[in-house]
Amino acid sequence: MVAILKEYDIVGETLVISFDHPLVRQCKILAPELACAINYTARVVDPVGLAKVSKADILNPTL
């Protein structure tokens, strides 16, 4: 997915949002400038820690 975003030069115009936190982390590793958000539904003990581990820029709790 990141390769396609780079191919079309739209990384800076894209926000990746997913419940798949390892996917978000991998996208961020491949393109640090890519804006990324993680969705979650659980009552997370440390949401900021979760964002850091996932390399997410945005937390998106889905209630």
C-alpha atoms as a PDB file:
ATOM      1  CA  MET A   1       0.000   0.000   0.000  1.00  0.00           C
ATOM      2  CA  VAL A   2       2.766   2.449   0.908  1.00  0.00           C
ATOM      3  CA  ALA A   3       4.497   1.757  -2.408  1.00  0.00           C
ATOM      4  CA  ILE A   4       1.341   2.748  -4.287  1.00  0.00           C
ATOM      5  CA  LEU A   5       0.984   5.932  -2.242  1.00  0.00           C
ATOM      6  CA  LYS A   6       4.603   6.801  -3.038  1.00  0.00           C
ATOM      7  CA  GLU A   7       4.168   5.905  -6.720  1.00  0.00           C
ATOM      8  CA  TYR A   8       1.283   8.373  -7.038  1.00  0.00           C
ATOM      9  CA  ASP A   9       3.041  10.922  -4.795  1.00  0.00           C
ATOM     10  CA  ILE A  10       0.102  11.178  -2.374  1.00  0.00           C
ATOM     11  CA  VAL A  11       1.724  10.170   0.912  1.00  0.00           C
ATOM     12  CA  GLY A  12       1.346  13.717   2.240  1.00  0.00           C
ATOM     13  CA  GLU A  13      -2.365  13.727   1.350  1.00  0.00           C
ATOM     14  CA  THR A  14      -3.224  10.390   2.959  1.00  0.00           C
ATOM     15  CA  LEU A  15      -4.356   9.303   6.406  1.00  0.00           C
ATOM     16  CA  VAL A  16      -4.110   5.591   7.183  1.00  0.00           C
ATOM     17  CA  ILE A  17      -6.689   4.533   9.791  1.00  0.00           C
ATOM     18  CA  SER A  18      -6.930   0.942  11.000  1.00  0.00           C
ATOM     19  CA  PHE A  19      -7.806  -1.431  13.820  1.00  0.00           C
ATOM     20  CA  ASP A  20      -4.719  -3.377  12.687  1.00  0.00           C
ATOM     21  CA  HIS A  21      -2.070  -1.679  14.822  1.00  0.00           C
ATOM     22  CA  PRO A  22       0.897  -3.698  13.447  1.00  0.00           C
ATOM     23  CA  LEU A  23      -0.147  -2.602   9.936  1.00  0.00           C
ATOM     24  CA  VAL A  24      -0.152   1.052  11.033  1.00  0.00           C
ATOM     25  CA  ARG A  25       3.293   0.590  12.567  1.00  0.00           C
ATOM     26  CA  GLN A  26       4.652  -0.985   9.378  1.00  0.00           C
ATOM     27  CA  CYS A  27       3.210   1.823   7.234  1.00  0.00           C
ATOM     28  CA  LYS A  28       4.847   4.405   9.503  1.00  0.00           C
ATOM     29  CA  ILE A  29       8.199   2.594   9.342  1.00  0.00           C
ATOM     30  CA  LEU A  30       8.041   2.564   5.538  1.00  0.00           C
ATOM     31  CA  ALA A  31       6.892   6.191   5.289  1.00  0.00           C
ATOM     32  CA  PRO A  32       7.484   8.223   8.475  1.00  0.00           C
ATOM     33  CA  GLU A  33       5.811  11.254   6.890  1.00  0.00           C
ATOM     34  CA  LEU A  34       2.559   9.289   6.427  1.00  0.00           C
ATOM     35  CA  ALA A  35      -0.192  10.335   8.845  1.00  0.00           C
ATOM     36  CA  CYS A  36      -1.516   7.300  10.716  1.00  0.00           C
ATOM     37  CA  ALA A  37      -4.290   6.642  13.218  1.00  0.00           C
ATOM     38  CA  ILE A  38      -5.278   3.590  15.221  1.00  0.00           C
ATOM     39  CA  ASN A  39      -8.843   2.619  16.027  1.00  0.00           C
ATOM     40  CA  TYR A  40      -9.656   0.725  19.200  1.00  0.00           C
ATOM     41  CA  THR A  41     -12.784  -0.336  21.052  1.00  0.00           C
ATOM     42  CA  ALA A  42     -11.361  -1.760  24.267  1.00  0.00           C
ATOM     43  CA  ARG A  43     -10.776   0.151  27.487  1.00  0.00           C
ATOM     44  CA  VAL A  44      -7.056   0.602  27.002  1.00  0.00           C
ATOM     45  CA  VAL A  45      -4.972   1.065  30.143  1.00  0.00           C
ATOM     46  CA  ASP A  46      -2.327   3.191  28.387  1.00  0.00           C
ATOM     47  CA  PRO A  47      -3.675   4.688  25.149  1.00  0.00           C
ATOM     48  CA  VAL A  48      -0.648   6.962  24.715  1.00  0.00           C
ATOM     49  CA  GLY A  49       1.663   3.963  25.092  1.00  0.00           C
ATOM     50  CA  LEU A  50      -0.435   2.100  22.529  1.00  0.00           C
ATOM     51  CA  ALA A  51      -0.060   5.007  20.104  1.00  0.00           C
ATOM     52  CA  LYS A  52       3.709   5.099  20.649  1.00  0.00           C
ATOM     53  CA  VAL A  53       4.146   1.365  20.075  1.00  0.00           C
ATOM     54  CA  SER A  54       2.012   1.587  16.935  1.00  0.00           C
ATOM     55  CA  LYS A  55       3.814   4.768  15.821  1.00  0.00           C
ATOM     56  CA  ALA A  56       0.370   6.334  15.365  1.00  0.00           C
ATOM     57  CA  ASP A  57      -0.113  10.084  15.174  1.00  0.00           C
ATOM     58  CA  ILE A  58      -3.778   9.905  16.145  1.00  0.00           C
ATOM     59  CA  LEU A  59      -5.810   7.806  18.597  1.00  0.00           C
ATOM     60  CA  ASN A  60      -9.346   7.105  17.422  1.00  0.00           C
ATOM     61  CA  PRO A  61     -11.410   5.437  20.165  1.00  0.00           C
ATOM     62  CA  THR A  62     -14.501   3.832  18.715  1.00  0.00           C
ATOM     63  CA  LEU A  63     -17.142   3.710  21.405  1.00  0.00           C
END
